Amino acid sequence: MSYRYNPLVGQRLGHARFFQSLYEAAQTTHSNDGFAQHAALQEAIVFELVNTLRAFLSEIADNYGIDPNYCEASLLSSALKQQGIISPEVDEILLSTTNDGWIAALLSEHQVNCNGHQSVSIVTHEPAPLRFISDSIPINKPPKTSSKLWLAELSDLIDRHRDGLVEW
């Protein structure tokens, strides 16, 4: 088993855990304030998790003697098939990316973050009606996200697959 990519995967996973702890601390400290901070931390977690997954796919490729630049599951799967290698690790990851699994949700969230948000609204000259906001309705709450779940799932996936790769 090659250990060249283990530090990179561990570093990325460590960064994701760090940002997750900051996110959870900010959530308890600022219930209605700091929405931008929550969103930025959430984007950082998703970014680190996607890069952890890519680094782990490079680690798998390196272990099977394939070019480590194959850091997408579909490309790595086809490269492994060309060599006649069956990889249960890559098959599991590929299955989760195509069948609305948690990796597909993670990659979708990452794509949304990369596309950015348009914050400019069209200015109209018509007067807008007054809207009254009730105190009982919370506003500016951070969106519900699955970053904690994604972090746990990715950590578990990496641990399970590394154990399998050691046996191989």
C-alpha atoms as a PDB file:
ATOM      1  CA  MET A   1       0.000   0.000   0.000  1.00  0.00           C
ATOM      2  CA  SER A   2       1.324   3.391  -0.982  1.00  0.00           C
ATOM      3  CA  TYR A   3       1.319   6.047   1.711  1.00  0.00           C
ATOM      4  CA  ARG A   4       2.120   9.087  -0.423  1.00  0.00           C
ATOM      5  CA  TYR A   5      -1.420  10.476  -0.294  1.00  0.00           C
ATOM      6  CA  ASN A   6      -2.256   9.581   3.326  1.00  0.00           C
ATOM      7  CA  PRO A   7      -0.948  12.885   4.743  1.00  0.00           C
ATOM      8  CA  LEU A   8      -2.866  14.909   2.148  1.00  0.00           C
ATOM      9  CA  VAL A   9      -6.109  13.041   2.823  1.00  0.00           C
ATOM     10  CA  GLY A  10      -5.575  13.396   6.571  1.00  0.00           C
ATOM     11  CA  GLN A  11      -4.797  17.091   6.244  1.00  0.00           C
ATOM     12  CA  ARG A  12      -7.923  17.775   4.184  1.00  0.00           C
ATOM     13  CA  LEU A  13     -10.073  15.768   6.578  1.00  0.00           C
ATOM     14  CA  GLY A  14      -8.516  17.642   9.505  1.00  0.00           C
ATOM     15  CA  HIS A  15      -9.361  20.970   7.892  1.00  0.00           C
ATOM     16  CA  ALA A  16     -12.946  19.852   7.347  1.00  0.00           C
ATOM     17  CA  ARG A  17     -13.210  18.818  11.013  1.00  0.00           C
ATOM     18  CA  PHE A  18     -11.750  22.164  12.090  1.00  0.00           C
ATOM     19  CA  PHE A  19     -14.229  24.142  10.006  1.00  0.00           C
ATOM     20  CA  GLN A  20     -17.063  21.912  11.247  1.00  0.00           C
ATOM     21  CA  SER A  21     -16.135  22.686  14.868  1.00  0.00           C
ATOM     22  CA  LEU A  22     -16.028  26.413  14.058  1.00  0.00           C
ATOM     23  CA  TYR A  23     -19.406  26.126  12.343  1.00  0.00           C
ATOM     24  CA  GLU A  24     -20.961  24.400  15.342  1.00  0.00           C
ATOM     25  CA  ALA A  25     -19.437  26.960  17.733  1.00  0.00           C
ATOM     26  CA  ALA A  26     -20.730  29.845  15.612  1.00  0.00           C
ATOM     27  CA  GLN A  27     -24.151  28.234  15.470  1.00  0.00           C
ATOM     28  CA  THR A  28     -24.467  28.093  19.247  1.00  0.00           C
ATOM     29  CA  THR A  29     -22.998  31.559  19.775  1.00  0.00           C
ATOM     30  CA  HIS A  30     -24.932  33.435  17.095  1.00  0.00           C
ATOM     31  CA  SER A  31     -28.418  32.059  16.718  1.00  0.00           C
ATOM     32  CA  ASN A  32     -29.744  34.786  14.420  1.00  0.00           C
ATOM     33  CA  ASP A  33     -26.584  36.778  13.779  1.00  0.00           C
ATOM     34  CA  GLY A  34     -23.617  35.872  11.665  1.00  0.00           C
ATOM     35  CA  PHE A  35     -25.493  34.294   8.757  1.00  0.00           C
ATOM     36  CA  ALA A  36     -22.640  35.210   6.409  1.00  0.00           C
ATOM     37  CA  GLN A  37     -20.169  33.553   8.764  1.00  0.00           C
ATOM     38  CA  HIS A  38     -22.266  30.390   8.857  1.00  0.00           C
ATOM     39  CA  ALA A  39     -22.508  30.313   5.074  1.00  0.00           C
ATOM     40  CA  ALA A  40     -18.771  30.878   4.645  1.00  0.00           C
ATOM     41  CA  LEU A  41     -17.919  28.115   7.102  1.00  0.00           C
ATOM     42  CA  GLN A  42     -20.381  25.776   5.415  1.00  0.00           C
ATOM     43  CA  GLU A  43     -18.785  26.463   2.038  1.00  0.00           C
ATOM     44  CA  ALA A  44     -15.330  25.851   3.518  1.00  0.00           C
ATOM     45  CA  ILE A  45     -16.461  22.500   4.941  1.00  0.00           C
ATOM     46  CA  VAL A  46     -17.934  21.402   1.613  1.00  0.00           C
ATOM     47  CA  PHE A  47     -14.799  22.537  -0.237  1.00  0.00           C
ATOM     48  CA  GLU A  48     -12.531  20.558   2.097  1.00  0.00           C
ATOM     49  CA  LEU A  49     -14.726  17.454   1.930  1.00  0.00           C
ATOM     50  CA  VAL A  50     -14.739  17.470  -1.876  1.00  0.00           C
ATOM     51  CA  ASN A  51     -10.967  17.895  -1.947  1.00  0.00           C
ATOM     52  CA  THR A  52     -10.608  15.118   0.639  1.00  0.00           C
ATOM     53  CA  LEU A  53     -12.620  12.830  -1.613  1.00  0.00           C
ATOM     54  CA  ARG A  54     -10.487  13.742  -4.620  1.00  0.00           C
ATOM     55  CA  ALA A  55      -7.269  13.168  -2.677  1.00  0.00           C
ATOM     56  CA  PHE A  56      -8.598   9.815  -1.480  1.00  0.00           C
ATOM     57  CA  LEU A  57      -9.413   8.807  -5.068  1.00  0.00           C
ATOM     58  CA  SER A  58      -5.823   9.740  -5.993  1.00  0.00           C
ATOM     59  CA  GLU A  59      -4.649   7.558  -3.095  1.00  0.00           C
ATOM     60  CA  ILE A  60      -6.729   4.636  -4.375  1.00  0.00           C
ATOM     61  CA  ALA A  61      -5.396   5.138  -7.914  1.00  0.00           C
ATOM     62  CA  ASP A  62      -1.842   5.201  -6.620  1.00  0.00           C
ATOM     63  CA  ASN A  63      -2.418   2.014  -4.645  1.00  0.00           C
ATOM     64  CA  TYR A  64      -3.616   0.201  -7.760  1.00  0.00           C
ATOM     65  CA  GLY A  65      -0.735   1.544  -9.849  1.00  0.00           C
ATOM     66  CA  ILE A  66      -2.917   3.907 -11.879  1.00  0.00           C
ATOM     67  CA  ASP A  67      -2.043   7.539 -12.584  1.00  0.00           C
ATOM     68  CA  PRO A  68      -3.020   9.490  -9.416  1.00  0.00           C
ATOM     69  CA  ASN A  69      -4.357  12.340 -11.548  1.00  0.00           C
ATOM     70  CA  TYR A  70      -7.588  10.349 -11.879  1.00  0.00           C
ATOM     71  CA  CYS A  71      -9.310  12.130  -8.997  1.00  0.00           C
ATOM     72  CA  GLU A  72     -12.877  11.629 -10.226  1.00  0.00           C
ATOM     73  CA  ALA A  73     -14.637   8.350  -9.562  1.00  0.00           C
ATOM     74  CA  SER A  74     -15.904   7.828 -13.111  1.00  0.00           C
ATOM     75  CA  LEU A  75     -12.502   8.435 -14.708  1.00  0.00           C
ATOM     76  CA  LEU A  76     -10.742   6.232 -12.169  1.00  0.00           C
ATOM     77  CA  SER A  77     -13.302   3.467 -12.641  1.00  0.00           C
ATOM     78  CA  SER A  78     -12.804   3.433 -16.404  1.00  0.00           C
ATOM     79  CA  ALA A  79      -8.995   3.500 -16.021  1.00  0.00           C
ATOM     80  CA  LEU A  80      -9.171   0.565 -13.603  1.00  0.00           C
ATOM     81  CA  LYS A  81     -11.450  -1.386 -15.970  1.00  0.00           C
ATOM     82  CA  GLN A  82      -8.989  -0.845 -18.817  1.00  0.00           C
ATOM     83  CA  GLN A  83      -6.302  -2.443 -16.640  1.00  0.00           C
ATOM     84  CA  GLY A  84      -8.652  -5.296 -15.711  1.00  0.00           C
ATOM     85  CA  ILE A  85      -8.787  -4.275 -12.055  1.00  0.00           C
ATOM     86  CA  ILE A  86     -11.970  -4.469 -10.017  1.00  0.00           C
ATOM     87  CA  SER A  87     -12.027  -1.967  -7.163  1.00  0.00           C
ATOM     88  CA  PRO A  88     -14.848  -2.260  -4.629  1.00  0.00           C
ATOM     89  CA  GLU A  89     -13.770   1.095  -3.160  1.00  0.00           C
ATOM     90  CA  VAL A  90     -14.224   2.976  -6.396  1.00  0.00           C
ATOM     91  CA  ASP A  91     -17.433   1.076  -7.188  1.00  0.00           C
ATOM     92  CA  GLU A  92     -18.950   2.123  -3.852  1.00  0.00           C
ATOM     93  CA  ILE A  93     -17.953   5.744  -4.364  1.00  0.00           C
ATOM     94  CA  LEU A  94     -19.226   5.679  -7.940  1.00  0.00           C
ATOM     95  CA  LEU A  95     -22.532   4.177  -6.805  1.00  0.00           C
ATOM     96  CA  SER A  96     -22.991   6.978  -4.270  1.00  0.00           C
ATOM     97  CA  THR A  97     -22.243   9.642  -6.882  1.00  0.00           C
ATOM     98  CA  THR A  98     -24.791   8.365  -9.375  1.00  0.00           C
ATOM     99  CA  ASN A  99     -27.736   7.132  -7.309  1.00  0.00           C
ATOM    100  CA  ASP A 100     -28.618  10.234  -5.292  1.00  0.00           C
ATOM    101  CA  GLY A 101     -26.266   9.154  -2.531  1.00  0.00           C
ATOM    102  CA  TRP A 102     -24.563  11.382  -0.016  1.00  0.00           C
ATOM    103  CA  ILE A 103     -21.568  11.949  -2.315  1.00  0.00           C
ATOM    104  CA  ALA A 104     -23.917  13.168  -5.062  1.00  0.00           C
ATOM    105  CA  ALA A 105     -25.481  15.592  -2.574  1.00  0.00           C
ATOM    106  CA  LEU A 106     -22.030  16.772  -1.478  1.00  0.00           C
ATOM    107  CA  LEU A 107     -20.894  17.343  -5.063  1.00  0.00           C
ATOM    108  CA  SER A 108     -24.154  19.110  -5.863  1.00  0.00           C
ATOM    109  CA  GLU A 109     -23.691  21.453  -2.906  1.00  0.00           C
ATOM    110  CA  HIS A 110     -20.111  22.095  -4.028  1.00  0.00           C
ATOM    111  CA  GLN A 111     -21.328  22.941  -7.536  1.00  0.00           C
ATOM    112  CA  VAL A 112     -23.854  25.406  -6.112  1.00  0.00           C
ATOM    113  CA  ASN A 113     -21.086  27.046  -4.077  1.00  0.00           C
ATOM    114  CA  CYS A 114     -18.831  27.281  -7.131  1.00  0.00           C
ATOM    115  CA  ASN A 115     -21.569  28.857  -9.237  1.00  0.00           C
ATOM    116  CA  GLY A 116     -21.940  31.702  -6.754  1.00  0.00           C
ATOM    117  CA  HIS A 117     -24.988  33.718  -5.928  1.00  0.00           C
ATOM    118  CA  GLN A 118     -26.365  36.760  -7.631  1.00  0.00           C
ATOM    119  CA  SER A 119     -27.081  39.371  -5.002  1.00  0.00           C
ATOM    120  CA  VAL A 120     -28.008  42.254  -7.275  1.00  0.00           C
ATOM    121  CA  SER A 121     -31.720  42.844  -7.646  1.00  0.00           C
ATOM    122  CA  ILE A 122     -33.493  44.735 -10.365  1.00  0.00           C
ATOM    123  CA  VAL A 123     -34.388  48.240  -9.270  1.00  0.00           C
ATOM    124  CA  THR A 124     -37.966  49.252  -9.951  1.00  0.00           C
ATOM    125  CA  HIS A 125     -39.451  52.689  -9.510  1.00  0.00           C
ATOM    126  CA  GLU A 126     -42.724  51.408  -8.154  1.00  0.00           C
ATOM    127  CA  PRO A 127     -43.260  51.758  -4.439  1.00  0.00           C
ATOM    128  CA  ALA A 128     -43.020  48.448  -2.609  1.00  0.00           C
ATOM    129  CA  PRO A 129     -45.747  47.502  -0.167  1.00  0.00           C
ATOM    130  CA  LEU A 130     -44.911  47.499   3.508  1.00  0.00           C
ATOM    131  CA  ARG A 131     -44.338  44.113   5.030  1.00  0.00           C
ATOM    132  CA  PHE A 132     -44.539  43.517   8.731  1.00  0.00           C
ATOM    133  CA  ILE A 133     -42.423  40.793  10.247  1.00  0.00           C
ATOM    134  CA  SER A 134     -43.649  38.998  13.308  1.00  0.00           C
ATOM    135  CA  ASP A 135     -41.239  38.527  16.197  1.00  0.00           C
ATOM    136  CA  SER A 136     -42.290  34.903  16.457  1.00  0.00           C
ATOM    137  CA  ILE A 137     -40.927  34.057  12.994  1.00  0.00           C
ATOM    138  CA  PRO A 138     -37.150  33.619  13.080  1.00  0.00           C
ATOM    139  CA  ILE A 139     -35.318  35.245  10.197  1.00  0.00           C
ATOM    140  CA  ASN A 140     -31.778  34.848   8.946  1.00  0.00           C
ATOM    141  CA  LYS A 141     -31.407  31.364  10.340  1.00  0.00           C
ATOM    142  CA  PRO A 142     -28.630  29.409   8.733  1.00  0.00           C
ATOM    143  CA  PRO A 143     -29.877  26.789   6.308  1.00  0.00           C
ATOM    144  CA  LYS A 144     -30.046  23.170   7.396  1.00  0.00           C
ATOM    145  CA  THR A 145     -27.046  21.394   5.996  1.00  0.00           C
ATOM    146  CA  SER A 146     -25.624  17.930   6.089  1.00  0.00           C
ATOM    147  CA  SER A 147     -21.968  18.797   6.540  1.00  0.00           C
ATOM    148  CA  LYS A 148     -21.733  16.917   9.824  1.00  0.00           C
ATOM    149  CA  LEU A 149     -23.262  13.847   8.190  1.00  0.00           C
ATOM    150  CA  TRP A 150     -21.008  14.173   5.140  1.00  0.00           C
ATOM    151  CA  LEU A 151     -17.937  14.484   7.369  1.00  0.00           C
ATOM    152  CA  ALA A 152     -18.882  11.372   9.339  1.00  0.00           C
ATOM    153  CA  GLU A 153     -19.700   9.391   6.182  1.00  0.00           C
ATOM    154  CA  LEU A 154     -16.456  10.380   4.443  1.00  0.00           C
ATOM    155  CA  SER A 155     -14.362   9.583   7.520  1.00  0.00           C
ATOM    156  CA  ASP A 156     -16.038   6.187   7.794  1.00  0.00           C
ATOM    157  CA  LEU A 157     -15.592   5.514   4.074  1.00  0.00           C
ATOM    158  CA  ILE A 158     -11.887   6.361   4.190  1.00  0.00           C
ATOM    159  CA  ASP A 159     -11.273   4.228   7.278  1.00  0.00           C
ATOM    160  CA  ARG A 160     -13.132   1.221   5.833  1.00  0.00           C
ATOM    161  CA  HIS A 161     -11.434   1.435   2.470  1.00  0.00           C
ATOM    162  CA  ARG A 162      -7.966   1.927   3.903  1.00  0.00           C
ATOM    163  CA  ASP A 163      -8.448  -1.207   5.981  1.00  0.00           C
ATOM    164  CA  GLY A 164      -9.463  -3.049   2.812  1.00  0.00           C
ATOM    165  CA  LEU A 165      -6.521  -1.683   0.853  1.00  0.00           C
ATOM    166  CA  VAL A 166      -4.089  -2.787   3.571  1.00  0.00           C
ATOM    167  CA  GLU A 167      -5.443  -6.332   3.292  1.00  0.00           C
ATOM    168  CA  TRP A 168      -5.144  -6.207  -0.497  1.00  0.00           C
END
